N, C-alpha and C. Protein backbone atom coordinates (compact mmCIF):
# COMPACT_ATOMS: atom_id res chain seq x y z
N MET A 1 199.92 83.99 -83.00
CA MET A 1 200.72 85.35 -83.22
C MET A 1 201.71 84.65 -84.17
N GLN A 2 202.27 85.50 -85.26
CA GLN A 2 203.10 85.36 -86.02
C GLN A 2 204.30 86.39 -85.57
N GLU A 3 205.41 85.85 -85.52
CA GLU A 3 206.66 86.41 -85.30
C GLU A 3 207.12 87.29 -86.23
N LEU A 4 207.57 88.40 -85.92
CA LEU A 4 208.25 89.94 -87.28
C LEU A 4 209.30 88.90 -87.06
N LEU A 5 209.81 89.07 -88.60
CA LEU A 5 211.49 88.27 -88.79
C LEU A 5 211.65 89.41 -89.39
N VAL A 6 211.52 90.54 -90.41
CA VAL A 6 212.19 91.37 -90.85
C VAL A 6 211.15 92.83 -90.75
N ALA A 7 211.98 93.76 -90.47
CA ALA A 7 211.40 95.49 -90.72
C ALA A 7 212.51 96.65 -90.84
N ASP A 8 212.01 97.36 -91.74
CA ASP A 8 213.07 98.56 -91.78
C ASP A 8 212.16 99.73 -92.26
N SER A 9 212.95 101.04 -91.80
CA SER A 9 212.20 102.06 -92.12
C SER A 9 212.42 102.89 -93.13
N VAL A 10 211.76 103.76 -93.67
CA VAL A 10 212.16 104.36 -95.02
C VAL A 10 211.80 105.97 -94.23
N ARG A 11 212.71 107.00 -94.62
CA ARG A 11 212.04 108.14 -94.47
C ARG A 11 211.81 108.72 -95.68
N VAL A 12 210.52 109.68 -95.80
CA VAL A 12 210.34 110.08 -96.86
C VAL A 12 209.94 111.47 -96.64
N ARG A 13 210.82 112.55 -97.75
CA ARG A 13 210.56 114.11 -97.52
C ARG A 13 209.84 114.61 -98.74
N MET A 14 209.53 115.89 -98.47
CA MET A 14 209.42 116.76 -99.93
C MET A 14 210.50 117.43 -100.00
N ASN A 15 210.79 117.20 -101.32
CA ASN A 15 211.95 117.93 -101.91
C ASN A 15 211.32 119.61 -101.90
N PRO A 16 212.04 120.23 -101.50
CA PRO A 16 211.39 121.84 -101.19
C PRO A 16 211.72 122.66 -102.80
N ALA A 17 212.56 121.76 -103.81
CA ALA A 17 212.59 122.69 -104.94
C ALA A 17 211.40 121.96 -105.84
N THR A 18 211.08 121.11 -105.97
CA THR A 18 210.35 120.29 -106.95
C THR A 18 208.55 119.90 -106.13
N GLY A 19 208.75 120.04 -104.89
CA GLY A 19 207.39 119.51 -104.32
C GLY A 19 207.36 118.13 -104.51
N GLU A 20 208.07 117.08 -104.81
CA GLU A 20 207.83 115.77 -104.77
C GLU A 20 208.48 114.99 -103.79
N ALA A 21 207.94 113.95 -103.70
CA ALA A 21 208.44 113.28 -102.47
C ALA A 21 209.53 112.33 -102.95
N GLU A 22 210.69 112.30 -101.79
CA GLU A 22 211.57 111.34 -102.09
C GLU A 22 212.21 110.83 -101.12
N VAL A 23 212.90 109.77 -101.53
CA VAL A 23 213.78 108.82 -100.40
C VAL A 23 215.17 108.49 -100.87
N ARG A 24 216.11 109.17 -99.80
CA ARG A 24 217.22 109.25 -100.39
C ARG A 24 217.79 107.68 -99.82
N GLY A 25 218.42 107.18 -100.53
CA GLY A 25 219.32 106.17 -100.87
C GLY A 25 218.32 104.72 -100.74
N ALA A 26 217.57 104.79 -101.41
CA ALA A 26 216.14 104.19 -101.74
C ALA A 26 216.57 102.78 -102.13
N GLY A 27 217.41 102.65 -103.06
CA GLY A 27 218.25 101.73 -103.54
C GLY A 27 218.91 100.55 -102.45
N LEU A 28 219.42 101.55 -101.73
CA LEU A 28 220.05 100.73 -100.50
C LEU A 28 219.20 100.15 -99.83
N HIS A 29 218.17 100.84 -99.33
CA HIS A 29 217.26 100.50 -98.31
C HIS A 29 216.64 98.73 -98.88
N LEU A 30 216.19 99.17 -99.81
CA LEU A 30 215.51 97.71 -100.77
C LEU A 30 216.53 96.92 -100.55
N ALA A 31 217.49 96.98 -101.27
CA ALA A 31 218.81 95.93 -101.00
C ALA A 31 218.82 95.17 -99.84
N ARG A 32 218.97 96.00 -98.84
CA ARG A 32 219.15 95.96 -97.55
C ARG A 32 217.86 95.00 -97.08
N PHE A 33 216.64 95.72 -97.29
CA PHE A 33 215.32 94.72 -97.03
C PHE A 33 215.15 93.46 -97.70
N LEU A 34 215.88 93.24 -99.13
CA LEU A 34 215.57 92.04 -99.89
C LEU A 34 216.30 91.14 -99.16
N SER A 35 217.41 91.56 -98.96
CA SER A 35 218.36 90.35 -98.17
C SER A 35 218.18 90.31 -96.90
N SER A 36 217.72 90.73 -96.31
CA SER A 36 217.16 90.09 -94.70
C SER A 36 215.95 89.76 -95.09
N ALA A 37 215.08 89.63 -96.16
CA ALA A 37 213.86 89.03 -96.01
C ALA A 37 214.28 87.58 -96.92
N GLN A 38 215.18 87.36 -97.43
CA GLN A 38 216.01 86.22 -98.15
C GLN A 38 216.45 85.11 -97.05
N ALA A 39 217.05 86.23 -96.00
CA ALA A 39 217.97 85.56 -95.10
C ALA A 39 216.82 84.54 -94.17
N ALA A 40 215.54 85.52 -93.68
CA ALA A 40 214.66 84.95 -92.90
C ALA A 40 214.09 83.59 -93.41
N ALA A 41 213.35 84.32 -94.73
CA ALA A 41 212.83 83.18 -95.35
C ALA A 41 213.58 81.52 -95.38
N SER A 42 214.93 81.88 -95.93
CA SER A 42 215.69 80.73 -95.78
C SER A 42 215.84 79.99 -94.26
N GLU A 43 215.60 80.51 -93.36
CA GLU A 43 215.36 80.36 -92.36
C GLU A 43 214.24 79.41 -91.37
N GLN A 44 213.29 79.61 -92.49
CA GLN A 44 211.87 79.24 -91.63
C GLN A 44 211.79 77.99 -92.35
N PRO A 45 210.92 76.94 -91.89
CA PRO A 45 210.64 75.73 -92.96
C PRO A 45 209.36 76.17 -93.70
N GLY A 46 209.45 75.54 -95.03
CA GLY A 46 208.80 75.91 -96.30
C GLY A 46 209.07 77.38 -96.46
N GLY A 47 209.98 78.26 -95.97
CA GLY A 47 210.10 79.60 -96.42
C GLY A 47 210.70 79.68 -97.82
N VAL A 48 210.06 80.98 -98.53
CA VAL A 48 210.31 80.60 -99.79
C VAL A 48 210.62 82.72 -100.39
N LEU A 49 211.10 82.94 -100.70
CA LEU A 49 211.11 84.42 -101.40
C LEU A 49 211.37 84.59 -102.41
N THR A 50 210.60 84.97 -103.40
CA THR A 50 211.09 85.23 -104.84
C THR A 50 211.15 86.19 -105.04
């Protein structure tokens, strides 16, 4: 069984004015996830994240 190293959740909602899906703070979520994934990969033997 593999160990979960990184997880994040993102809320997607429908914009009532446009009807389009949107994520508030998407850039912040992505930056946080990337940082966590890089840290987790660097702690694992042979872990590489590009």
